[in-house]
Protein backbone atom coordinates (compact mmCIF):
# COMPACT_ATOMS: atom_id res chain seq x y z
CA MET A 1 5.19 22.38 23.26
CA ARG A 2 8.55 22.97 22.93
CA ALA A 3 10.72 21.59 20.45
CA VAL A 4 13.51 21.27 22.73
CA THR A 5 14.23 21.44 26.16
CA TYR A 6 17.72 23.60 26.73
CA GLY A 7 17.20 26.93 26.86
CA ALA A 8 19.10 29.24 24.20
CA LEU A 9 22.57 29.16 26.09
CA SER A 10 22.65 25.59 25.50
CA LEU A 11 21.59 26.26 21.94
CA LEU A 12 24.19 28.70 21.09
CA LEU A 13 26.94 26.57 22.64
CA VAL A 14 25.33 23.48 19.96
CA LEU A 15 25.78 25.33 16.77
CA LEU A 16 29.53 26.99 18.61
CA VAL A 17 30.80 23.57 19.02
CA ALA A 18 28.85 22.48 15.39
CA GLY A 19 30.22 24.83 13.79
CA SER A 20 27.56 25.42 11.40
CA ALA A 21 22.81 25.93 11.66
CA GLY A 22 20.42 23.36 10.48
CA GLY A 23 18.00 20.54 11.20
CA ALA A 24 15.81 19.87 13.90
CA GLY A 25 12.90 21.24 16.33
CA SER A 26 9.38 20.82 16.38
CA ALA A 27 8.78 23.65 18.73
CA ALA A 28 11.90 24.85 19.21
CA GLY A 29 14.81 24.40 17.86
CA VAL A 30 17.75 21.73 17.59
CA ALA A 31 21.43 22.50 15.46
CA ALA A 32 22.60 20.38 12.84
CA THR A 33 25.94 20.48 10.84
CA LYS A 34 25.10 19.03 7.42
CA ALA A 35 24.97 21.96 4.56
CA PRO A 36 22.21 20.60 1.63
CA PRO A 37 22.71 18.51 -0.52
CA ALA A 38 22.65 18.96 -3.76
CA PRO A 39 19.15 19.59 -5.66
CA VAL A 40 17.51 16.28 -5.39
CA GLY A 41 16.76 14.16 -8.44
CA ALA A 42 14.46 11.82 -10.41
CA ALA A 43 11.75 10.57 -8.45
CA SER A 44 11.68 6.72 -7.65
CA PRO A 45 8.71 5.09 -8.15
CA VAL A 46 6.04 4.36 -6.17
CA ALA A 47 5.12 0.94 -4.48
CA SER A 48 1.00 -0.43 -4.50
CA PRO A 49 0.28 -2.51 -2.07
CA THR A 50 1.19 -5.61 -3.05
CA ALA A 51 0.78 -9.45 -2.17
CA LEU A 52 3.61 -11.86 -1.74
CA ALA A 53 1.87 -15.32 -1.76
CA ALA A 54 4.86 -18.00 -1.25
CA THR A 55 4.05 -20.98 -3.52
CA THR A 56 5.95 -24.73 -2.82
CA ALA A 57 6.02 -26.55 -6.73
CA PRO A 58 5.29 -30.38 -6.60
CA VAL A 59 8.08 -32.39 -6.44
CA ALA A 60 8.33 -35.24 -9.45
CA THR A 61 8.31 -38.73 -8.37
CA SER A 62 9.19 -41.94 -10.11
CA PRO A 63 6.58 -45.45 -10.27
CA ALA A 64 8.69 -47.22 -8.00
CA ALA A 65 9.11 -45.00 -5.50
CA SER A 66 5.19 -44.30 -5.78
CA ALA A 67 4.37 -47.36 -5.53
CA VAL A 68 6.76 -47.37 -1.94
CA ALA A 69 5.17 -44.77 -0.57
CA ALA A 70 1.44 -46.23 -1.31
CA ALA A 71 2.11 -49.60 0.47
CA THR A 72 4.05 -47.95 3.07
CA SER A 73 1.48 -45.37 4.27
CA PRO A 74 -1.13 -46.02 6.83
CA PRO A 75 -4.19 -45.08 5.63
CA SER A 76 -4.95 -42.27 7.75
CA ALA A 77 -1.43 -39.83 7.14
CA THR A 78 -2.20 -36.30 5.48
CA PRO A 79 -1.67 -35.54 2.06
CA ALA A 80 1.08 -34.13 1.43
CA ALA A 81 -1.14 -31.57 -0.91
CA THR A 82 -2.59 -30.79 3.20
CA ILE A 83 1.24 -30.23 4.43
CA LEU A 84 2.41 -27.96 1.84
CA ALA A 85 -0.40 -25.38 2.64
CA SER A 86 -0.82 -25.26 6.09
CA ALA A 87 2.67 -24.48 5.62
CA THR A 88 2.76 -21.49 3.73
CA PRO A 89 3.89 -18.16 5.04
CA PRO A 90 0.92 -15.37 5.84
CA THR A 91 0.63 -12.75 3.08
CA GLU A 92 2.71 -9.72 3.46
CA TRP A 93 1.27 -6.18 2.22
CA ALA A 94 3.75 -2.95 1.32
CA LEU A 95 3.87 0.30 0.83
CA ASP A 96 6.05 3.01 0.41
CA LEU A 97 4.37 7.08 -1.16
CA TYR A 98 8.14 8.59 -1.03
CA LYS A 99 9.21 10.58 -3.44
CA GLU A 100 12.45 11.86 -4.18
CA ALA A 101 11.18 15.02 -5.51
CA GLY A 102 9.71 15.97 -2.53
CA MET A 103 11.35 15.58 -0.32
CA ARG A 104 12.36 19.10 1.65
CA TYR A 105 15.29 19.37 4.50
CA GLN A 106 14.10 22.04 7.48
CA TYR A 107 17.70 23.32 7.12
CA PRO A 108 18.56 26.49 7.43
CA ASP A 109 15.61 27.03 9.84
CA ILE A 110 15.92 25.25 13.58
CA ASN A 111 12.09 25.39 14.70
CA ALA A 112 10.70 24.27 10.93
CA CYS A 113 10.58 20.32 11.23
CA THR A 114 6.96 20.29 11.52
CA ALA A 115 6.59 22.85 8.79
CA ALA A 116 8.79 20.90 6.89
CA ALA A 117 6.88 17.43 7.41
CA ALA A 118 3.90 19.05 6.09
CA GLN A 119 5.32 19.90 3.13
CA ILE A 120 6.94 17.11 2.34
CA SER A 121 3.57 15.11 2.74
CA LEU A 122 2.01 17.12 1.05
CA ASN A 123 4.64 16.93 -2.15
CA PHE A 124 4.06 12.91 -1.76
CA ILE A 125 0.15 13.10 -1.73
CA SER A 126 -0.07 15.34 -4.94
CA TYR A 127 2.70 12.57 -6.79
CA ASP A 128 0.73 9.89 -5.72
CA ALA A 129 -1.91 11.47 -7.37
CA GLY A 130 -4.03 12.83 -4.70
CA ASN A 131 -7.35 14.55 -4.82
CA LEU A 132 -5.69 17.87 -2.73
CA ARG A 133 -5.06 21.70 -4.32
CA TRP A 134 -1.80 21.32 -3.31
CA SER A 135 1.01 21.79 -6.66
CA PRO A 136 4.61 19.78 -5.55
CA THR A 137 7.11 22.49 -4.20
CA VAL A 138 10.53 21.99 -1.96
CA SER A 139 10.88 26.21 -1.53
CA TYR A 140 12.30 27.69 1.24
CA ALA A 141 9.68 30.06 1.62
CA THR A 142 6.99 27.63 1.10
CA MET A 143 8.83 26.31 4.29
CA GLU A 144 9.02 29.50 6.50
CA GLU A 145 5.34 30.01 5.13
CA ILE A 146 3.35 26.57 6.15
CA LEU A 147 5.59 27.58 9.73
CA LYS A 148 3.85 31.23 10.28
CA TYR A 149 0.32 28.96 9.71
CA GLU A 150 1.36 26.45 12.29
CA ARG A 151 1.96 29.00 14.82
CA ALA A 152 -0.91 31.44 14.36
CA ASN A 153 -3.36 28.31 14.58
CA MET A 154 -2.14 26.24 17.18
CA THR A 155 -2.99 25.73 21.00
CA MET A 156 1.07 26.52 21.96
CA PRO A 157 1.62 30.36 23.76
CA GLN A 158 3.59 32.51 20.92
CA TRP A 159 6.67 32.74 23.46
CA GLY A 160 7.65 28.93 22.11
CA ASN A 161 9.53 28.36 18.98
CA GLY A 162 8.13 25.95 16.48
CA SER A 163 5.00 24.48 16.59
CA ASP A 164 2.48 21.50 18.05
CA PRO A 165 -0.33 18.71 16.54
CA HIS A 166 -2.72 21.21 16.37
CA GLY A 167 -1.00 23.22 14.43
CA THR A 168 0.27 20.90 12.00
CA ARG A 169 -2.80 18.97 11.67
CA ASN A 170 -4.07 22.26 10.98
CA ALA A 171 -1.46 23.42 7.75
CA LEU A 172 -1.76 20.21 6.07
CA ASN A 173 -5.94 20.27 6.06
CA TYR A 174 -4.99 24.37 5.57
CA TYR A 175 -2.53 24.16 2.07
CA GLY A 176 -3.59 20.64 1.53
CA TRP A 177 -7.69 21.03 0.95
CA GLY A 178 -8.49 24.68 1.34
CA SER A 179 -9.34 24.98 5.04
CA LYS A 180 -7.95 23.80 8.83
CA GLN A 181 -11.39 22.31 9.31
CA ALA A 182 -11.37 19.97 6.45
CA GLY A 183 -11.09 17.51 8.23
CA VAL A 184 -8.45 14.78 5.76
CA TYR A 185 -6.10 14.97 8.85
CA GLN A 186 -5.83 15.23 12.53
CA ASP A 187 -4.25 14.67 15.61
CA ALA A 188 -4.65 11.49 17.99
CA SER A 189 -2.97 10.22 21.18
CA PHE A 190 -3.01 6.93 21.64
CA ALA A 191 -2.38 5.19 25.21
CA THR A 192 0.28 2.30 23.85
CA PHE A 193 2.89 2.00 21.15
CA GLY A 194 0.90 -0.62 19.75
CA GLU A 195 -1.85 0.53 19.62
CA ALA A 196 -0.30 3.78 17.63
CA ALA A 197 1.60 2.32 15.11
CA THR A 198 -1.41 0.23 14.13
CA ALA A 199 -3.28 3.30 13.79
CA ILE A 200 -0.93 4.73 11.39
CA VAL A 201 -0.95 1.97 9.40
CA SER A 202 -4.22 1.98 9.15
CA SER A 203 -4.49 5.18 7.75
CA ILE A 204 -1.55 5.29 5.51
CA ALA A 205 -3.05 2.15 3.60
CA ARG A 206 -7.24 3.50 3.37
CA THR A 207 -5.84 6.94 2.17
CA ARG A 208 -2.35 7.06 0.33
CA LYS A 209 -1.08 9.48 3.09
CA PRO A 210 2.24 9.43 5.01
CA ALA A 211 1.36 9.91 8.61
CA ILE A 212 3.08 12.56 10.94
CA ILE A 213 4.85 11.30 13.86
CA PHE A 214 6.32 13.60 17.62
CA THR A 215 9.53 11.81 18.36
CA TRP A 216 12.33 12.91 21.14
CA TRP A 217 9.88 12.87 23.76
CA GLY A 218 7.50 15.22 21.46
CA GLN A 219 10.70 17.42 20.52
CA HIS A 220 10.78 16.58 17.04
CA SER A 221 8.50 15.76 13.90
CA GLN A 222 9.06 12.80 10.95
CA VAL A 223 7.23 11.54 8.51
CA VAL A 224 6.29 8.07 7.54
CA THR A 225 5.58 7.14 4.49
CA GLY A 226 4.77 3.20 4.37
CA TYR A 227 4.62 -0.01 6.16
CA LYS A 228 5.38 -3.53 5.89
CA VAL A 229 2.81 -6.06 7.81
CA ARG A 230 1.81 -10.09 6.95
CA GLY A 231 -1.56 -11.20 7.02
CA GLY A 232 -4.53 -9.45 6.31
CA ASN A 233 -4.98 -6.11 3.85
CA PRO A 234 -4.21 -3.74 6.28
CA ALA A 235 -6.11 -1.05 4.07
CA THR A 236 -9.50 -3.48 4.75
CA SER A 237 -8.64 -6.00 7.76
CA ALA A 238 -7.38 -5.04 11.58
CA ASP A 239 -6.21 -8.26 11.01
CA PHE A 240 -1.93 -8.39 10.45
CA THR A 241 0.75 -7.63 11.84
CA ILE A 242 3.66 -5.11 11.34
CA GLU A 243 7.22 -5.84 10.06
CA GLY A 244 8.47 -2.17 9.98
CA MET A 245 7.74 1.34 8.32
CA TYR A 246 9.34 3.73 6.53
CA LEU A 247 10.60 6.89 7.90
CA THR A 248 11.85 10.35 6.83
CA ASP A 249 13.44 13.15 8.72
CA PRO A 250 13.45 16.26 7.78
CA LEU A 251 16.50 17.13 10.02
CA LEU A 252 19.76 17.32 8.46
CA GLY A 253 22.91 16.16 10.39
CA TYR A 254 22.99 16.09 13.68
CA THR A 255 22.16 17.39 17.04
CA TYR A 256 22.02 17.47 20.30
CA VAL A 257 19.01 17.39 22.84
CA GLU A 258 18.56 17.09 26.51
CA TYR A 259 15.92 15.17 28.06
CA GLY A 260 16.45 13.54 31.65
CA GLY A 261 19.28 15.41 32.42
CA THR A 262 21.22 13.67 29.35
CA SER A 263 22.38 14.76 26.33
CA HIS A 264 21.05 13.25 23.90
CA HIS A 265 23.43 13.16 20.71
CA ILE A 266 21.28 12.11 17.26
CA ILE A 267 22.76 11.41 13.99
CA ALA A 268 20.20 12.07 11.32
CA ILE A 269 18.86 9.06 9.25
CA LYS A 270 18.65 8.72 5.17
CA PRO A 271 15.25 10.09 3.79
CA ASP A 272 12.86 6.35 3.38
CA THR A 273 15.11 4.79 5.66
CA TYR A 274 13.14 1.03 6.64
CA VAL A 275 13.09 0.18 10.24
CA SER A 276 12.17 -2.71 12.62
CA LEU A 277 8.88 -2.57 14.33
CA ALA A 278 11.39 -3.21 17.54
CA ASP A 279 13.26 -0.54 16.94
CA LEU A 280 10.78 2.14 16.25
CA GLU A 281 9.71 1.40 19.35
CA GLN A 282 12.92 0.74 21.45
CA GLY A 283 15.75 1.31 18.93
CA ARG A 284 18.42 4.01 18.63
CA ASP A 285 16.96 7.46 19.39
CA ALA A 286 17.42 8.74 15.90
CA VAL A 287 14.36 6.30 15.02
CA ARG A 288 12.44 5.30 18.42
CA PHE A 289 9.16 6.42 18.46
CA GLY A 290 8.41 7.37 22.32
CA ALA A 291 5.75 9.33 24.45
CA TYR A 292 5.12 12.92 24.06
CA GLU A 293 6.36 14.75 27.26
CA GLN A 294 5.56 17.87 26.30
CA ASN A 295 2.71 20.43 28.38
CA ASP A 296 2.80 23.72 27.23
CA SER A 297 -0.06 23.37 24.39
CA THR A 298 -2.33 25.34 26.76
CA GLY A 299 -4.90 26.12 24.88
CA ARG A 300 -8.22 25.17 24.06
CA ASP A 301 -8.82 24.02 20.39
CA PRO A 302 -11.43 25.35 18.63
CA ILE A 303 -11.70 22.41 15.98
CA ASP A 304 -11.63 19.19 18.85
CA GLY A 305 -11.76 21.27 22.23
CA ASN A 306 -8.70 19.72 23.54
CA ARG A 307 -5.76 21.38 25.15
CA GLY A 308 -2.47 19.37 23.90
CA LYS A 309 -1.38 19.16 27.72
CA ASP A 310 -4.59 17.01 28.60
CA GLU A 311 -4.42 15.08 25.62
CA TRP A 312 -0.54 14.26 24.61
CA TYR A 313 1.54 14.00 27.44
CA LYS A 314 2.63 10.65 28.24
CA LYS A 315 1.10 9.33 25.02
CA TRP A 316 1.84 8.45 21.43
CA VAL A 317 0.79 11.68 19.21
CA VAL A 318 0.51 11.39 15.16
CA VAL A 319 -1.10 14.00 13.17
CA LEU A 320 -2.31 11.42 10.50
CA ALA A 321 -5.23 11.63 7.79
CA ALA A 322 -8.59 10.15 8.90
CA ALA A 323 -9.97 10.22 5.04
């Protein structure tokens, strides 16, 4: 997989026009122009899954009004209490694992979006008291170490830049639980956006671990840290309707991505941005989770036995927690 479909010359031109380097690219790299922000401050609190059931207070009536109502109501009328109960909206469930102190931009490495996404995810799990061997860090050296490990354990040829979903999965399991075969994280692909979205929410709700999605036609990676849904508790039920998700991008600034003969100017979102389900499926490039269009992961993965070019192409690809 190449994170960016344009060649080295066009990337150089982008960098010259932008005036500085940075940003994103899961397997090749894209240019960003902002300098990194000041060091992050204290972490914001973690949201726990919360039921938000609506209630309706009874309405007081005078004795005379009650008498009139009793005299004029037909015997078969539905009691008011039953009407109010049936109008109660579905329960809303929300969870967001984002912690500001765990945020790591890929800047200044244009090829390190997958490594930054893995580092961010492990930080958030650790802050949430997850059972793993990782200690939170936003060190640039650590991000580069993760990228090196991904590239040594991926199924994309070494001449490419960045990493692919196999390398990302392996790095999460290795740095978080001591072995790339730990099985805590897995790569998964889905034939439709809806199937992928449901799997992401279910995984986060059950495991309290972020998911990493491959966006921009497979050229970039972003972290999903939470969700809002209506209906059943997604940790235990499949009967829920997704309202939106919380999305964090390791890109800092903006970039240009070539796809389909068109240059797409993409401005990075702020960390922990809430994105509606409609925008996640069909919104602007910066937040849209579309099908994976890369086919250069040609090696056979020793863990799942698959070739990325066969299991991911034109599907919705995510690395999510299985446990």
